[in-house]
Amino acid sequence: MIGRLNHVAIAVPDLDAAISLYKDTLGADVGTPQDLPEHGVTVVFIMLPNTKIELLYPLGEGSPITGYLEKNPSGGIHHICYEVSDILASRDQLQAKGARVLGDGSPKIGAHGNPVLFLHPKDFTGTLIELEQV
């Protein structure tokens, strides 16, 4: 069902400092910040030869990243994203096996313009999983 690793998302308390770290210190190809109000985050993608790193920063009131950063003030890995070819079929198959989809179970449009869903971390060894249809 799952395909390639699309990205690893890292919540950061200071977006400018994180961008500088990846761009100036590590010499990475850093994208432009992109606000995603529907998800309550600002994202920046770091392009790597084999995948991406997604920097997440809170956007607006009630951002899910705010709570994460309160528990992890230095930031840290927030989720990993796997590619799937059919997000609805993947959702249905996972739910039939007992996995919980967060929210109302309907895909939202993610940062790449593709449908995404999140799976409950308690069902996946403590890891928040994002599925992205590609």
N, C-alpha and C. Protein backbone atom coordinates (compact mmCIF):
# COMPACT_ATOMS: atom_id res chain seq x y z
N MET A 1 0.82 -1.19 0.00
CA MET A 1 0.00 0.00 0.00
C MET A 1 0.87 1.26 0.00
N ILE A 2 1.79 1.40 1.00
CA ILE A 2 2.58 2.63 1.03
C ILE A 2 3.69 2.55 0.00
N GLY A 3 4.00 3.72 -0.50
CA GLY A 3 5.06 3.83 -1.49
C GLY A 3 6.28 4.51 -0.88
N ARG A 4 6.84 5.42 -1.65
CA ARG A 4 8.05 6.13 -1.24
C ARG A 4 7.82 6.97 0.01
N LEU A 5 8.91 7.21 0.73
CA LEU A 5 8.90 8.19 1.80
C LEU A 5 8.87 9.56 1.13
N ASN A 6 7.83 10.33 1.38
CA ASN A 6 7.71 11.64 0.75
C ASN A 6 8.50 12.69 1.52
N HIS A 7 8.31 12.72 2.85
CA HIS A 7 9.07 13.67 3.67
C HIS A 7 9.03 13.29 5.14
N VAL A 8 9.96 13.89 5.88
CA VAL A 8 9.98 13.84 7.33
C VAL A 8 9.71 15.28 7.78
N ALA A 9 8.71 15.46 8.65
CA ALA A 9 8.34 16.80 9.10
C ALA A 9 8.92 17.07 10.48
N ILE A 10 9.53 18.24 10.61
CA ILE A 10 10.15 18.66 11.86
C ILE A 10 9.49 19.95 12.32
N ALA A 11 8.90 19.92 13.52
CA ALA A 11 8.33 21.13 14.11
C ALA A 11 9.49 21.97 14.65
N VAL A 12 9.44 23.27 14.38
CA VAL A 12 10.54 24.15 14.80
C VAL A 12 9.98 25.36 15.56
N PRO A 13 10.68 25.78 16.63
CA PRO A 13 10.22 26.94 17.39
C PRO A 13 10.62 28.28 16.76
N ASP A 14 11.60 28.26 15.87
CA ASP A 14 12.08 29.48 15.21
C ASP A 14 12.33 29.13 13.74
N LEU A 15 11.40 29.53 12.89
CA LEU A 15 11.48 29.15 11.48
C LEU A 15 12.70 29.75 10.78
N ASP A 16 12.98 31.02 11.05
CA ASP A 16 14.13 31.67 10.41
C ASP A 16 15.44 30.98 10.79
N ALA A 17 15.58 30.63 12.07
CA ALA A 17 16.80 29.95 12.52
C ALA A 17 16.92 28.57 11.87
N ALA A 18 15.79 27.86 11.73
CA ALA A 18 15.82 26.54 11.12
C ALA A 18 16.17 26.63 9.64
N ILE A 19 15.62 27.63 8.95
CA ILE A 19 15.95 27.83 7.54
C ILE A 19 17.44 28.11 7.39
N SER A 20 17.97 28.98 8.24
CA SER A 20 19.39 29.31 8.19
C SER A 20 20.26 28.07 8.46
N LEU A 21 19.85 27.26 9.41
CA LEU A 21 20.61 26.05 9.73
C LEU A 21 20.71 25.14 8.51
N TYR A 22 19.59 24.89 7.85
CA TYR A 22 19.60 24.00 6.69
C TYR A 22 20.29 24.64 5.48
N LYS A 23 20.05 25.93 5.27
CA LYS A 23 20.61 26.60 4.09
C LYS A 23 22.09 26.95 4.27
N ASP A 24 22.39 27.65 5.34
CA ASP A 24 23.74 28.19 5.52
C ASP A 24 24.71 27.18 6.13
N THR A 25 24.24 26.38 7.07
CA THR A 25 25.13 25.43 7.75
C THR A 25 25.25 24.12 6.97
N LEU A 26 24.11 23.58 6.54
CA LEU A 26 24.12 22.29 5.85
C LEU A 26 24.19 22.41 4.33
N GLY A 27 24.00 23.61 3.81
CA GLY A 27 24.09 23.81 2.36
C GLY A 27 22.96 23.19 1.57
N ALA A 28 21.79 23.08 2.18
CA ALA A 28 20.65 22.44 1.52
C ALA A 28 19.89 23.41 0.63
N ASP A 29 19.14 22.84 -0.30
CA ASP A 29 18.24 23.58 -1.18
C ASP A 29 16.94 23.83 -0.41
N VAL A 30 16.74 25.06 0.04
CA VAL A 30 15.62 25.41 0.91
C VAL A 30 14.56 26.17 0.10
N GLY A 31 13.32 25.72 0.21
CA GLY A 31 12.22 26.37 -0.49
C GLY A 31 11.74 27.63 0.23
N THR A 32 10.68 28.19 -0.28
CA THR A 32 10.07 29.40 0.26
C THR A 32 9.00 29.03 1.28
N PRO A 33 8.90 29.77 2.39
CA PRO A 33 7.82 29.49 3.35
C PRO A 33 6.45 29.59 2.68
N GLN A 34 5.58 28.69 3.07
CA GLN A 34 4.23 28.60 2.50
C GLN A 34 3.24 28.47 3.65
N ASP A 35 2.30 29.42 3.75
CA ASP A 35 1.27 29.35 4.78
C ASP A 35 0.16 28.41 4.33
N LEU A 36 -0.25 27.52 5.25
CA LEU A 36 -1.36 26.59 5.01
C LEU A 36 -2.39 26.79 6.12
N PRO A 37 -3.25 27.83 5.98
CA PRO A 37 -4.21 28.14 7.05
C PRO A 37 -5.13 26.97 7.42
N GLU A 38 -5.51 26.15 6.44
CA GLU A 38 -6.40 25.02 6.72
C GLU A 38 -5.75 24.02 7.67
N HIS A 39 -4.42 23.95 7.66
CA HIS A 39 -3.68 23.03 8.53
C HIS A 39 -3.08 23.74 9.74
N GLY A 40 -3.14 25.08 9.77
CA GLY A 40 -2.60 25.83 10.90
C GLY A 40 -1.09 25.85 10.97
N VAL A 41 -0.43 25.79 9.81
CA VAL A 41 1.04 25.75 9.79
C VAL A 41 1.61 26.60 8.66
N THR A 42 2.84 27.00 8.87
CA THR A 42 3.68 27.50 7.79
C THR A 42 4.70 26.40 7.54
N VAL A 43 4.91 26.05 6.28
CA VAL A 43 5.84 24.98 5.93
C VAL A 43 6.94 25.51 5.02
N VAL A 44 8.09 24.88 5.15
CA VAL A 44 9.23 25.13 4.25
C VAL A 44 9.79 23.76 3.92
N PHE A 45 9.97 23.48 2.63
CA PHE A 45 10.53 22.20 2.23
C PHE A 45 12.00 22.32 1.93
N ILE A 46 12.75 21.36 2.45
CA ILE A 46 14.18 21.22 2.19
C ILE A 46 14.29 20.07 1.19
N MET A 47 14.81 20.35 0.02
CA MET A 47 14.91 19.34 -1.02
C MET A 47 16.21 18.55 -0.88
N LEU A 48 16.07 17.24 -0.79
CA LEU A 48 17.22 16.34 -0.71
C LEU A 48 17.20 15.44 -1.94
N PRO A 49 18.30 14.81 -2.27
CA PRO A 49 18.31 13.96 -3.47
C PRO A 49 17.30 12.81 -3.43
N ASN A 50 16.99 12.29 -2.23
CA ASN A 50 16.13 11.11 -2.15
C ASN A 50 14.80 11.35 -1.45
N THR A 51 14.57 12.52 -0.87
CA THR A 51 13.32 12.84 -0.18
C THR A 51 13.30 14.32 0.16
N LYS A 52 12.42 14.70 1.09
CA LYS A 52 12.33 16.09 1.54
C LYS A 52 12.26 16.12 3.06
N ILE A 53 12.67 17.24 3.62
CA ILE A 53 12.43 17.56 5.02
C ILE A 53 11.42 18.71 4.98
N GLU A 54 10.41 18.62 5.82
CA GLU A 54 9.40 19.69 5.91
C GLU A 54 9.54 20.35 7.28
N LEU A 55 9.86 21.64 7.28
CA LEU A 55 9.89 22.40 8.52
C LEU A 55 8.48 22.91 8.78
N LEU A 56 7.98 22.70 10.00
CA LEU A 56 6.63 23.12 10.39
C LEU A 56 6.72 24.19 11.46
N TYR A 57 5.96 25.26 11.27
CA TYR A 57 5.92 26.35 12.24
C TYR A 57 4.46 26.73 12.45
N PRO A 58 4.05 27.04 13.70
CA PRO A 58 2.64 27.37 13.95
C PRO A 58 2.16 28.57 13.15
N LEU A 59 0.91 28.48 12.69
CA LEU A 59 0.25 29.57 11.98
C LEU A 59 -1.13 29.76 12.58
N GLY A 60 -1.35 30.90 13.18
CA GLY A 60 -2.67 31.24 13.70
C GLY A 60 -3.01 30.56 15.02
N GLU A 61 -4.17 30.95 15.54
CA GLU A 61 -4.67 30.39 16.80
C GLU A 61 -5.02 28.92 16.62
N GLY A 62 -4.72 28.13 17.60
CA GLY A 62 -5.11 26.73 17.56
C GLY A 62 -4.28 25.85 16.65
N SER A 63 -3.10 26.29 16.27
CA SER A 63 -2.23 25.46 15.42
C SER A 63 -1.87 24.18 16.16
N PRO A 64 -1.95 23.03 15.48
CA PRO A 64 -1.55 21.79 16.14
C PRO A 64 -0.06 21.77 16.50
N ILE A 65 0.71 22.61 15.86
CA ILE A 65 2.15 22.65 16.13
C ILE A 65 2.44 23.37 17.45
N THR A 66 1.56 24.29 17.86
CA THR A 66 1.76 25.00 19.12
C THR A 66 1.80 24.02 20.28
N GLY A 67 0.83 23.11 20.33
CA GLY A 67 0.80 22.11 21.40
C GLY A 67 2.02 21.22 21.38
N TYR A 68 2.44 20.83 20.18
CA TYR A 68 3.63 19.99 20.05
C TYR A 68 4.86 20.72 20.61
N LEU A 69 5.00 22.01 20.26
CA LEU A 69 6.16 22.77 20.71
C LEU A 69 6.11 23.07 22.21
N GLU A 70 4.91 23.14 22.79
CA GLU A 70 4.81 23.31 24.24
C GLU A 70 5.38 22.09 24.95
N LYS A 71 5.15 20.91 24.39
CA LYS A 71 5.67 19.68 24.98
C LYS A 71 7.14 19.44 24.60
N ASN A 72 7.55 19.99 23.47
CA ASN A 72 8.91 19.81 22.93
C ASN A 72 9.46 21.18 22.53
N PRO A 73 9.87 22.00 23.49
CA PRO A 73 10.24 23.39 23.18
C PRO A 73 11.39 23.56 22.20
N SER A 74 12.24 22.56 22.07
CA SER A 74 13.34 22.65 21.11
C SER A 74 12.93 22.19 19.72
N GLY A 75 11.68 21.69 19.59
CA GLY A 75 11.21 21.15 18.32
C GLY A 75 11.52 19.66 18.23
N GLY A 76 11.29 19.09 17.06
CA GLY A 76 11.57 17.68 16.86
C GLY A 76 10.76 17.11 15.73
N ILE A 77 10.97 15.81 15.48
CA ILE A 77 10.24 15.15 14.40
C ILE A 77 8.77 15.09 14.76
N HIS A 78 7.93 15.62 13.90
CA HIS A 78 6.49 15.68 14.13
C HIS A 78 5.76 14.51 13.46
N HIS A 79 6.09 14.24 12.20
CA HIS A 79 5.46 13.12 11.48
C HIS A 79 6.32 12.69 10.30
N ILE A 80 5.96 11.52 9.76
CA ILE A 80 6.56 11.08 8.51
C ILE A 80 5.44 10.88 7.50
N CYS A 81 5.75 11.13 6.24
CA CYS A 81 4.75 11.08 5.18
C CYS A 81 5.14 10.04 4.14
N TYR A 82 4.18 9.14 3.87
CA TYR A 82 4.35 8.13 2.83
C TYR A 82 3.43 8.43 1.67
N GLU A 83 3.87 8.11 0.49
CA GLU A 83 3.05 8.27 -0.71
C GLU A 83 2.15 7.05 -0.90
N VAL A 84 0.93 7.32 -1.38
CA VAL A 84 -0.01 6.26 -1.76
C VAL A 84 -0.60 6.64 -3.11
N SER A 85 -1.02 5.65 -3.87
CA SER A 85 -1.58 5.94 -5.20
C SER A 85 -3.06 6.30 -5.14
N ASP A 86 -3.79 5.78 -4.13
CA ASP A 86 -5.22 6.05 -4.00
C ASP A 86 -5.52 6.25 -2.52
N ILE A 87 -5.68 7.50 -2.12
CA ILE A 87 -5.82 7.80 -0.69
C ILE A 87 -7.11 7.25 -0.10
N LEU A 88 -8.20 7.25 -0.86
CA LEU A 88 -9.46 6.74 -0.34
C LEU A 88 -9.42 5.22 -0.17
N ALA A 89 -8.85 4.52 -1.13
CA ALA A 89 -8.71 3.07 -1.00
C ALA A 89 -7.78 2.73 0.16
N SER A 90 -6.70 3.50 0.32
CA SER A 90 -5.77 3.27 1.43
C SER A 90 -6.46 3.52 2.76
N ARG A 91 -7.22 4.60 2.84
CA ARG A 91 -7.97 4.90 4.07
C ARG A 91 -8.90 3.76 4.42
N ASP A 92 -9.67 3.30 3.44
CA ASP A 92 -10.66 2.25 3.69
C ASP A 92 -9.97 0.96 4.13
N GLN A 93 -8.87 0.62 3.48
CA GLN A 93 -8.13 -0.59 3.83
C GLN A 93 -7.57 -0.49 5.25
N LEU A 94 -7.02 0.65 5.60
CA LEU A 94 -6.46 0.85 6.94
C LEU A 94 -7.54 0.81 8.01
N GLN A 95 -8.66 1.49 7.75
CA GLN A 95 -9.75 1.48 8.73
C GLN A 95 -10.30 0.07 8.92
N ALA A 96 -10.36 -0.72 7.85
CA ALA A 96 -10.84 -2.10 7.95
C ALA A 96 -9.91 -2.93 8.83
N LYS A 97 -8.65 -2.51 8.93
CA LYS A 97 -7.68 -3.22 9.77
C LYS A 97 -7.57 -2.60 11.17
N GLY A 98 -8.44 -1.62 11.47
CA GLY A 98 -8.48 -1.04 12.81
C GLY A 98 -7.71 0.24 13.01
N ALA A 99 -7.07 0.76 11.97
CA ALA A 99 -6.31 2.01 12.11
C ALA A 99 -7.28 3.19 12.17
N ARG A 100 -6.92 4.17 12.99
CA ARG A 100 -7.74 5.37 13.13
C ARG A 100 -7.20 6.51 12.26
N VAL A 101 -8.10 7.11 11.50
CA VAL A 101 -7.77 8.28 10.70
C VAL A 101 -8.17 9.50 11.52
N LEU A 102 -7.29 10.48 11.61
CA LEU A 102 -7.59 11.68 12.38
C LEU A 102 -8.57 12.57 11.64
N GLY A 103 -9.26 13.42 12.39
CA GLY A 103 -10.26 14.31 11.81
C GLY A 103 -11.50 13.52 11.45
N ASP A 104 -12.19 14.00 10.42
CA ASP A 104 -13.44 13.33 10.01
C ASP A 104 -13.21 12.23 8.98
N GLY A 105 -11.95 11.95 8.67
CA GLY A 105 -11.64 10.88 7.72
C GLY A 105 -11.61 11.32 6.28
N SER A 106 -11.94 12.58 6.03
CA SER A 106 -11.91 13.10 4.66
C SER A 106 -10.55 13.70 4.37
N PRO A 107 -9.99 13.41 3.21
CA PRO A 107 -8.70 14.02 2.87
C PRO A 107 -8.80 15.53 2.76
N LYS A 108 -7.71 16.20 3.12
CA LYS A 108 -7.55 17.63 2.92
C LYS A 108 -6.45 17.81 1.88
N ILE A 109 -6.39 18.97 1.30
CA ILE A 109 -5.33 19.26 0.34
C ILE A 109 -4.09 19.72 1.12
N GLY A 110 -2.96 19.07 0.85
CA GLY A 110 -1.72 19.37 1.55
C GLY A 110 -0.87 20.39 0.82
N ALA A 111 0.34 20.56 1.31
CA ALA A 111 1.26 21.58 0.80
C ALA A 111 1.64 21.38 -0.66
N HIS A 112 1.58 20.15 -1.16
CA HIS A 112 1.93 19.88 -2.55
C HIS A 112 0.72 19.92 -3.48
N GLY A 113 -0.45 20.31 -2.93
CA GLY A 113 -1.65 20.36 -3.74
C GLY A 113 -2.32 19.00 -3.91
N ASN A 114 -1.89 18.01 -3.13
CA ASN A 114 -2.43 16.66 -3.22
C ASN A 114 -3.23 16.33 -1.97
N PRO A 115 -4.17 15.38 -2.06
CA PRO A 115 -4.94 14.97 -0.89
C PRO A 115 -4.04 14.28 0.15
N VAL A 116 -4.29 14.60 1.43
CA VAL A 116 -3.54 14.01 2.53
C VAL A 116 -4.48 13.58 3.64
N LEU A 117 -4.05 12.59 4.41
CA LEU A 117 -4.73 12.12 5.62
C LEU A 117 -3.66 11.86 6.67
N PHE A 118 -4.07 11.94 7.94
CA PHE A 118 -3.16 11.61 9.04
C PHE A 118 -3.72 10.43 9.81
N LEU A 119 -2.82 9.55 10.24
CA LEU A 119 -3.19 8.35 10.98
C LEU A 119 -2.74 8.49 12.43
N HIS A 120 -3.57 7.99 13.35
CA HIS A 120 -3.32 8.16 14.77
C HIS A 120 -1.99 7.53 15.18
N PRO A 121 -1.15 8.28 15.91
CA PRO A 121 0.16 7.75 16.29
C PRO A 121 0.10 6.52 17.19
N LYS A 122 -0.95 6.40 17.98
CA LYS A 122 -1.05 5.23 18.87
C LYS A 122 -1.22 3.93 18.09
N ASP A 123 -1.64 4.03 16.85
CA ASP A 123 -1.81 2.85 16.01
C ASP A 123 -0.53 2.50 15.24
N PHE A 124 0.49 3.39 15.28
CA PHE A 124 1.71 3.21 14.50
C PHE A 124 2.95 3.48 15.34
N THR A 125 3.07 2.71 16.40
CA THR A 125 4.23 2.74 17.30
C THR A 125 4.64 4.15 17.74
N GLY A 126 3.63 4.98 18.03
CA GLY A 126 3.89 6.32 18.53
C GLY A 126 4.27 7.34 17.48
N THR A 127 4.12 7.01 16.22
CA THR A 127 4.50 7.91 15.13
C THR A 127 3.28 8.41 14.38
N LEU A 128 3.15 9.72 14.28
CA LEU A 128 2.09 10.31 13.47
C LEU A 128 2.46 10.06 12.00
N ILE A 129 1.53 9.46 11.26
CA ILE A 129 1.77 9.12 9.85
C ILE A 129 0.86 9.98 8.97
N GLU A 130 1.44 10.57 7.95
CA GLU A 130 0.69 11.28 6.92
C GLU A 130 0.73 10.43 5.66
N LEU A 131 -0.40 10.30 5.00
CA LEU A 131 -0.46 9.68 3.69
C LEU A 131 -0.75 10.76 2.68
N GLU A 132 -0.02 10.77 1.58
CA GLU A 132 -0.23 11.74 0.52
C GLU A 132 -0.44 11.00 -0.80
N GLN A 133 -1.55 11.33 -1.47
CA GLN A 133 -1.82 10.71 -2.77
C GLN A 133 -0.95 11.39 -3.82
N VAL A 134 -0.22 10.56 -4.57
CA VAL A 134 0.62 11.11 -5.65
C VAL A 134 0.30 10.41 -6.96
